[in-house]
């Protein structure tokens, strides 16, 4: 089965340079509700108007997550 990892969230106001810096991500609080977050997100009108970008290191489970969605 899929074990939902802890994650950090960046809003639409994040700058592209922020997303590339590990130090910036460390300032974002870790979250452990990925399943609830995704379920709530996909039920919003916003989800149909803007992409959800999933970032992570190699082997962090991005491909498996997209297959499960």
PDB file of N, CA and C in Angstrom:
ATOM      1  N   UNK A   1       0.804  -1.185   0.000  1.00  0.00           N
ATOM      2  CA  UNK A   1       0.000   0.000   0.000  1.00  0.00           C
ATOM      3  C   UNK A   1       0.851   1.253   0.000  1.00  0.00           C
ATOM      4  N   UNK A   2       0.193   2.347  -0.120  1.00  0.00           N
ATOM      5  CA  UNK A   2       0.857   3.651  -0.167  1.00  0.00           C
ATOM      6  C   UNK A   2       0.844   4.264   1.222  1.00  0.00           C
ATOM      7  N   UNK A   3       2.002   4.619   1.725  1.00  0.00           N
ATOM      8  CA  UNK A   3       2.109   5.329   2.993  1.00  0.00           C
ATOM      9  C   UNK A   3       2.285   6.806   2.685  1.00  0.00           C
ATOM     10  N   UNK A   4       1.302   7.592   3.043  1.00  0.00           N
ATOM     11  CA  UNK A   4       1.359   9.030   2.744  1.00  0.00           C
ATOM     12  C   UNK A   4       2.494   9.669   3.530  1.00  0.00           C
ATOM     13  N   UNK A   5       3.395  10.335   2.837  1.00  0.00           N
ATOM     14  CA  UNK A   5       4.524  10.967   3.523  1.00  0.00           C
ATOM     15  C   UNK A   5       4.136  12.310   4.132  1.00  0.00           C
ATOM     16  N   UNK A   6       4.978  12.778   5.036  1.00  0.00           N
ATOM     17  CA  UNK A   6       4.839  14.159   5.491  1.00  0.00           C
ATOM     18  C   UNK A   6       5.173  15.049   4.298  1.00  0.00           C
ATOM     19  N   UNK A   7       4.635  16.239   4.290  1.00  0.00           N
ATOM     20  CA  UNK A   7       4.864  17.145   3.159  1.00  0.00           C
ATOM     21  C   UNK A   7       4.869  18.573   3.656  1.00  0.00           C
ATOM     22  N   UNK A   8       5.297  19.468   2.783  1.00  0.00           N
ATOM     23  CA  UNK A   8       5.270  20.898   3.066  1.00  0.00           C
ATOM     24  C   UNK A   8       4.529  21.565   1.920  1.00  0.00           C
ATOM     25  N   UNK A   9       3.785  22.585   2.235  1.00  0.00           N
ATOM     26  CA  UNK A   9       2.904  23.223   1.271  1.00  0.00           C
ATOM     27  C   UNK A   9       3.383  24.636   0.954  1.00  0.00           C
ATOM     28  N   UNK A  10       3.397  24.962  -0.328  1.00  0.00           N
ATOM     29  CA  UNK A  10       3.697  26.324  -0.775  1.00  0.00           C
ATOM     30  C   UNK A  10       2.460  26.843  -1.490  1.00  0.00           C
ATOM     31  N   UNK A  11       2.025  28.021  -1.142  1.00  0.00           N
ATOM     32  CA  UNK A  11       0.865  28.609  -1.792  1.00  0.00           C
ATOM     33  C   UNK A  11       1.228  29.238  -3.122  1.00  0.00           C
ATOM     34  N   UNK A  12       0.227  29.750  -3.802  1.00  0.00           N
ATOM     35  CA  UNK A  12       0.458  30.327  -5.123  1.00  0.00           C
ATOM     36  C   UNK A  12       1.314  31.587  -5.071  1.00  0.00           C
ATOM     37  N   UNK A  13       1.522  32.150  -3.908  1.00  0.00           N
ATOM     38  CA  UNK A  13       2.351  33.340  -3.781  1.00  0.00           C
ATOM     39  C   UNK A  13       3.841  33.048  -3.681  1.00  0.00           C
ATOM     40  N   UNK A  14       4.210  31.781  -3.631  1.00  0.00           N
ATOM     41  CA  UNK A  14       5.634  31.430  -3.534  1.00  0.00           C
ATOM     42  C   UNK A  14       6.346  31.817  -4.827  1.00  0.00           C
ATOM     43  N   UNK A  15       7.531  32.339  -4.683  1.00  0.00           N
ATOM     44  CA  UNK A  15       8.322  32.727  -5.852  1.00  0.00           C
ATOM     45  C   UNK A  15       9.060  31.519  -6.414  1.00  0.00           C
ATOM     46  N   UNK A  16       9.259  31.472  -7.733  1.00  0.00           N
ATOM     47  CA  UNK A  16       9.967  30.326  -8.327  1.00  0.00           C
ATOM     48  C   UNK A  16      11.321  30.062  -7.678  1.00  0.00           C
ATOM     49  N   UNK A  17      12.047  31.110  -7.333  1.00  0.00           N
ATOM     50  CA  UNK A  17      13.334  30.919  -6.676  1.00  0.00           C
ATOM     51  C   UNK A  17      13.206  30.261  -5.312  1.00  0.00           C
ATOM     52  N   UNK A  18      12.094  30.540  -4.625  1.00  0.00           N
ATOM     53  CA  UNK A  18      11.854  29.909  -3.325  1.00  0.00           C
ATOM     54  C   UNK A  18      11.748  28.398  -3.476  1.00  0.00           C
ATOM     55  N   UNK A  19      11.013  27.973  -4.479  1.00  0.00           N
ATOM     56  CA  UNK A  19      10.742  26.549  -4.650  1.00  0.00           C
ATOM     57  C   UNK A  19      12.002  25.736  -4.895  1.00  0.00           C
ATOM     58  N   UNK A  20      13.047  26.370  -5.379  1.00  0.00           N
ATOM     59  CA  UNK A  20      14.298  25.673  -5.684  1.00  0.00           C
ATOM     60  C   UNK A  20      15.265  25.639  -4.505  1.00  0.00           C
ATOM     61  N   UNK A  21      14.929  26.310  -3.417  1.00  0.00           N
ATOM     62  CA  UNK A  21      15.859  26.395  -2.283  1.00  0.00           C
ATOM     63  C   UNK A  21      15.408  25.524  -1.115  1.00  0.00           C
ATOM     64  N   UNK A  22      16.250  24.577  -0.728  1.00  0.00           N
ATOM     65  CA  UNK A  22      15.959  23.720   0.431  1.00  0.00           C
ATOM     66  C   UNK A  22      15.758  24.561   1.688  1.00  0.00           C
ATOM     67  N   UNK A  23      16.536  25.631   1.828  1.00  0.00           N
ATOM     68  CA  UNK A  23      16.431  26.469   3.030  1.00  0.00           C
ATOM     69  C   UNK A  23      15.040  27.094   3.143  1.00  0.00           C
ATOM     70  N   UNK A  24      14.441  27.453   2.016  1.00  0.00           N
ATOM     71  CA  UNK A  24      13.087  28.022   2.056  1.00  0.00           C
ATOM     72  C   UNK A  24      12.082  26.965   2.496  1.00  0.00           C
ATOM     73  N   UNK A  25      12.222  25.753   1.979  1.00  0.00           N
ATOM     74  CA  UNK A  25      11.290  24.683   2.347  1.00  0.00           C
ATOM     75  C   UNK A  25      11.361  24.363   3.835  1.00  0.00           C
ATOM     76  N   UNK A  26      12.543  24.490   4.434  1.00  0.00           N
ATOM     77  CA  UNK A  26      12.670  24.211   5.866  1.00  0.00           C
ATOM     78  C   UNK A  26      11.895  25.223   6.703  1.00  0.00           C
ATOM     79  N   UNK A  27      11.559  26.385   6.145  1.00  0.00           N
ATOM     80  CA  UNK A  27      10.764  27.372   6.883  1.00  0.00           C
ATOM     81  C   UNK A  27       9.277  27.042   6.842  1.00  0.00           C
ATOM     82  N   UNK A  28       8.876  26.154   5.968  1.00  0.00           N
ATOM     83  CA  UNK A  28       7.472  25.762   5.844  1.00  0.00           C
ATOM     84  C   UNK A  28       7.182  24.649   6.843  1.00  0.00           C
ATOM     85  N   UNK A  29       6.095  24.715   7.585  1.00  0.00           N
ATOM     86  CA  UNK A  29       5.822  23.673   8.579  1.00  0.00           C
ATOM     87  C   UNK A  29       5.476  22.336   7.910  1.00  0.00           C
ATOM     88  N   UNK A  30       5.998  21.237   8.447  1.00  0.00           N
ATOM     89  CA  UNK A  30       5.637  19.930   7.891  1.00  0.00           C
ATOM     90  C   UNK A  30       4.186  19.592   8.224  1.00  0.00           C
ATOM     91  N   UNK A  31       3.554  18.889   7.313  1.00  0.00           N
ATOM     92  CA  UNK A  31       2.157  18.464   7.496  1.00  0.00           C
ATOM     93  C   UNK A  31       2.088  16.957   7.313  1.00  0.00           C
ATOM     94  N   UNK A  32       1.090  16.337   7.918  1.00  0.00           N
ATOM     95  CA  UNK A  32       0.961  14.884   7.813  1.00  0.00           C
ATOM     96  C   UNK A  32      -0.448  14.447   7.405  1.00  0.00           C
ATOM     97  N   UNK A  33      -1.151  15.323   6.713  1.00  0.00           N
ATOM     98  CA  UNK A  33      -2.533  15.042   6.311  1.00  0.00           C
ATOM     99  C   UNK A  33      -2.692  15.054   4.790  1.00  0.00           C
ATOM    100  N   UNK A  34      -1.762  14.423   4.079  1.00  0.00           N
ATOM    101  CA  UNK A  34      -1.771  14.497   2.615  1.00  0.00           C
ATOM    102  C   UNK A  34      -3.088  14.004   2.025  1.00  0.00           C
ATOM    103  N   UNK A  35      -3.617  12.899   2.531  1.00  0.00           N
ATOM    104  CA  UNK A  35      -4.873  12.380   1.989  1.00  0.00           C
ATOM    105  C   UNK A  35      -6.020  13.372   2.183  1.00  0.00           C
ATOM    106  N   UNK A  36      -6.127  13.955   3.360  1.00  0.00           N
ATOM    107  CA  UNK A  36      -7.191  14.933   3.619  1.00  0.00           C
ATOM    108  C   UNK A  36      -6.982  16.202   2.797  1.00  0.00           C
ATOM    109  N   UNK A  37      -5.735  16.650   2.683  1.00  0.00           N
ATOM    110  CA  UNK A  37      -5.457  17.846   1.888  1.00  0.00           C
ATOM    111  C   UNK A  37      -5.849  17.635   0.432  1.00  0.00           C
ATOM    112  N   UNK A  38      -5.433  16.513  -0.155  1.00  0.00           N
ATOM    113  CA  UNK A  38      -5.749  16.259  -1.565  1.00  0.00           C
ATOM    114  C   UNK A  38      -7.251  16.122  -1.785  1.00  0.00           C
ATOM    115  N   UNK A  39      -7.930  15.419  -0.894  1.00  0.00           N
ATOM    116  CA  UNK A  39      -9.381  15.260  -1.028  1.00  0.00           C
ATOM    117  C   UNK A  39     -10.072  16.623  -0.980  1.00  0.00           C
ATOM    118  N   UNK A  40      -9.686  17.459  -0.036  1.00  0.00           N
ATOM    119  CA  UNK A  40     -10.290  18.787   0.078  1.00  0.00           C
ATOM    120  C   UNK A  40      -9.948  19.643  -1.136  1.00  0.00           C
ATOM    121  N   UNK A  41      -8.707  19.577  -1.585  1.00  0.00           N
ATOM    122  CA  UNK A  41      -8.281  20.384  -2.734  1.00  0.00           C
ATOM    123  C   UNK A  41      -9.062  20.015  -3.993  1.00  0.00           C
ATOM    124  N   UNK A  42      -9.173  18.732  -4.279  1.00  0.00           N
ATOM    125  CA  UNK A  42      -9.827  18.308  -5.516  1.00  0.00           C
ATOM    126  C   UNK A  42     -11.325  18.582  -5.522  1.00  0.00           C
ATOM    127  N   UNK A  43     -11.899  18.876  -4.383  1.00  0.00           N
ATOM    128  CA  UNK A  43     -13.320  19.222  -4.320  1.00  0.00           C
ATOM    129  C   UNK A  43     -13.580  20.716  -4.511  1.00  0.00           C
ATOM    130  N   UNK A  44     -12.523  21.499  -4.648  1.00  0.00           N
ATOM    131  CA  UNK A  44     -12.695  22.945  -4.817  1.00  0.00           C
ATOM    132  C   UNK A  44     -12.756  23.319  -6.295  1.00  0.00           C
ATOM    133  N   UNK A  45     -13.362  24.445  -6.572  1.00  0.00           N
ATOM    134  CA  UNK A  45     -13.385  24.986  -7.929  1.00  0.00           C
ATOM    135  C   UNK A  45     -11.975  25.360  -8.376  1.00  0.00           C
ATOM    136  N   UNK A  46     -11.156  25.787  -7.436  1.00  0.00           N
ATOM    137  CA  UNK A  46      -9.778  26.188  -7.738  1.00  0.00           C
ATOM    138  C   UNK A  46      -8.997  25.048  -8.392  1.00  0.00           C
ATOM    139  N   UNK A  47      -9.255  23.824  -7.991  1.00  0.00           N
ATOM    140  CA  UNK A  47      -8.527  22.669  -8.532  1.00  0.00           C
ATOM    141  C   UNK A  47      -8.746  22.511 -10.033  1.00  0.00           C
ATOM    142  N   UNK A  48      -9.857  22.994 -10.539  1.00  0.00           N
ATOM    143  CA  UNK A  48     -10.116  22.879 -11.980  1.00  0.00           C
ATOM    144  C   UNK A  48      -9.533  24.055 -12.770  1.00  0.00           C
ATOM    145  N   UNK A  49      -9.030  25.073 -12.068  1.00  0.00           N
ATOM    146  CA  UNK A  49      -8.499  26.256 -12.738  1.00  0.00           C
ATOM    147  C   UNK A  49      -6.987  26.400 -12.654  1.00  0.00           C
ATOM    148  N   UNK A  50      -6.353  25.703 -11.740  1.00  0.00           N
ATOM    149  CA  UNK A  50      -4.905  25.860 -11.552  1.00  0.00           C
ATOM    150  C   UNK A  50      -4.280  24.495 -11.280  1.00  0.00           C
ATOM    151  N   UNK A  51      -3.095  24.272 -11.784  1.00  0.00           N
ATOM    152  CA  UNK A  51      -2.457  22.967 -11.576  1.00  0.00           C
ATOM    153  C   UNK A  51      -1.967  22.796 -10.139  1.00  0.00           C
ATOM    154  N   UNK A  52      -1.903  21.558  -9.733  1.00  0.00           N
ATOM    155  CA  UNK A  52      -1.283  21.197  -8.460  1.00  0.00           C
ATOM    156  C   UNK A  52       0.096  20.664  -8.807  1.00  0.00           C
ATOM    157  N   UNK A  53       1.122  21.328  -8.354  1.00  0.00           N
ATOM    158  CA  UNK A  53       2.494  20.961  -8.673  1.00  0.00           C
ATOM    159  C   UNK A  53       3.065  20.142  -7.526  1.00  0.00           C
ATOM    160  N   UNK A  54       3.535  18.941  -7.838  1.00  0.00           N
ATOM    161  CA  UNK A  54       4.126  18.062  -6.828  1.00  0.00           C
ATOM    162  C   UNK A  54       5.631  18.023  -7.063  1.00  0.00           C
ATOM    163  N   UNK A  55       6.382  18.458  -6.073  1.00  0.00           N
ATOM    164  CA  UNK A  55       7.841  18.471  -6.153  1.00  0.00           C
ATOM    165  C   UNK A  55       8.408  17.496  -5.130  1.00  0.00           C
ATOM    166  N   UNK A  56       9.566  16.948  -5.426  1.00  0.00           N
ATOM    167  CA  UNK A  56      10.225  16.073  -4.462  1.00  0.00           C
ATOM    168  C   UNK A  56      11.509  15.521  -5.029  1.00  0.00           C
ATOM    169  N   UNK A  57      12.329  15.030  -4.144  1.00  0.00           N
ATOM    170  CA  UNK A  57      13.590  14.417  -4.551  1.00  0.00           C
ATOM    171  C   UNK A  57      13.321  13.110  -5.293  1.00  0.00           C
ATOM    172  N   UNK A  58      14.294  12.629  -6.077  1.00  0.00           N
ATOM    173  CA  UNK A  58      14.138  11.332  -6.744  1.00  0.00           C
ATOM    174  C   UNK A  58      13.834  10.239  -5.713  1.00  0.00           C
ATOM    175  N   UNK A  59      12.865   9.409  -6.040  1.00  0.00           N
ATOM    176  CA  UNK A  59      12.510   8.309  -5.149  1.00  0.00           C
ATOM    177  C   UNK A  59      11.586   8.678  -4.010  1.00  0.00           C
ATOM    178  N   UNK A  60      11.063   9.896  -4.007  1.00  0.00           N
ATOM    179  CA  UNK A  60      10.214  10.328  -2.894  1.00  0.00           C
ATOM    180  C   UNK A  60       8.753   9.914  -3.042  1.00  0.00           C
ATOM    181  N   UNK A  61       8.381   9.303  -4.169  1.00  0.00           N
ATOM    182  CA  UNK A  61       7.024   8.792  -4.320  1.00  0.00           C
ATOM    183  C   UNK A  61       6.112   9.604  -5.214  1.00  0.00           C
ATOM    184  N   UNK A  62       6.658  10.536  -5.977  1.00  0.00           N
ATOM    185  CA  UNK A  62       5.820  11.376  -6.846  1.00  0.00           C
ATOM    186  C   UNK A  62       5.091  10.546  -7.898  1.00  0.00           C
ATOM    187  N   UNK A  63       5.794   9.638  -8.548  1.00  0.00           N
ATOM    188  CA  UNK A  63       5.176   8.826  -9.605  1.00  0.00           C
ATOM    189  C   UNK A  63       4.097   7.917  -9.040  1.00  0.00           C
ATOM    190  N   UNK A  64       4.368   7.299  -7.906  1.00  0.00           N
ATOM    191  CA  UNK A  64       3.367   6.429  -7.289  1.00  0.00           C
ATOM    192  C   UNK A  64       2.141   7.239  -6.885  1.00  0.00           C
ATOM    193  N   UNK A  65       2.349   8.422  -6.349  1.00  0.00           N
ATOM    194  CA  UNK A  65       1.221   9.279  -5.974  1.00  0.00           C
ATOM    195  C   UNK A  65       0.356   9.591  -7.188  1.00  0.00           C
ATOM    196  N   UNK A  66       0.959   9.949  -8.308  1.00  0.00           N
ATOM    197  CA  UNK A  66       0.162  10.280  -9.492  1.00  0.00           C
ATOM    198  C   UNK A  66      -0.576   9.058 -10.021  1.00  0.00           C
ATOM    199  N   UNK A  67      -0.007   7.881  -9.885  1.00  0.00           N
ATOM    200  CA  UNK A  67      -0.726   6.663 -10.310  1.00  0.00           C
ATOM    201  C   UNK A  67      -1.931   6.409  -9.420  1.00  0.00           C
ATOM    202  N   UNK A  68      -1.807   6.693  -8.136  1.00  0.00           N
ATOM    203  CA  UNK A  68      -2.913   6.470  -7.206  1.00  0.00           C
ATOM    204  C   UNK A  68      -4.032   7.488  -7.386  1.00  0.00           C
ATOM    205  N   UNK A  69      -3.675   8.682  -7.836  1.00  0.00           N
ATOM    206  CA  UNK A  69      -4.696   9.709  -8.033  1.00  0.00           C
ATOM    207  C   UNK A  69      -5.530   9.373  -9.241  1.00  0.00           C
TER     208      UNK A  69
END
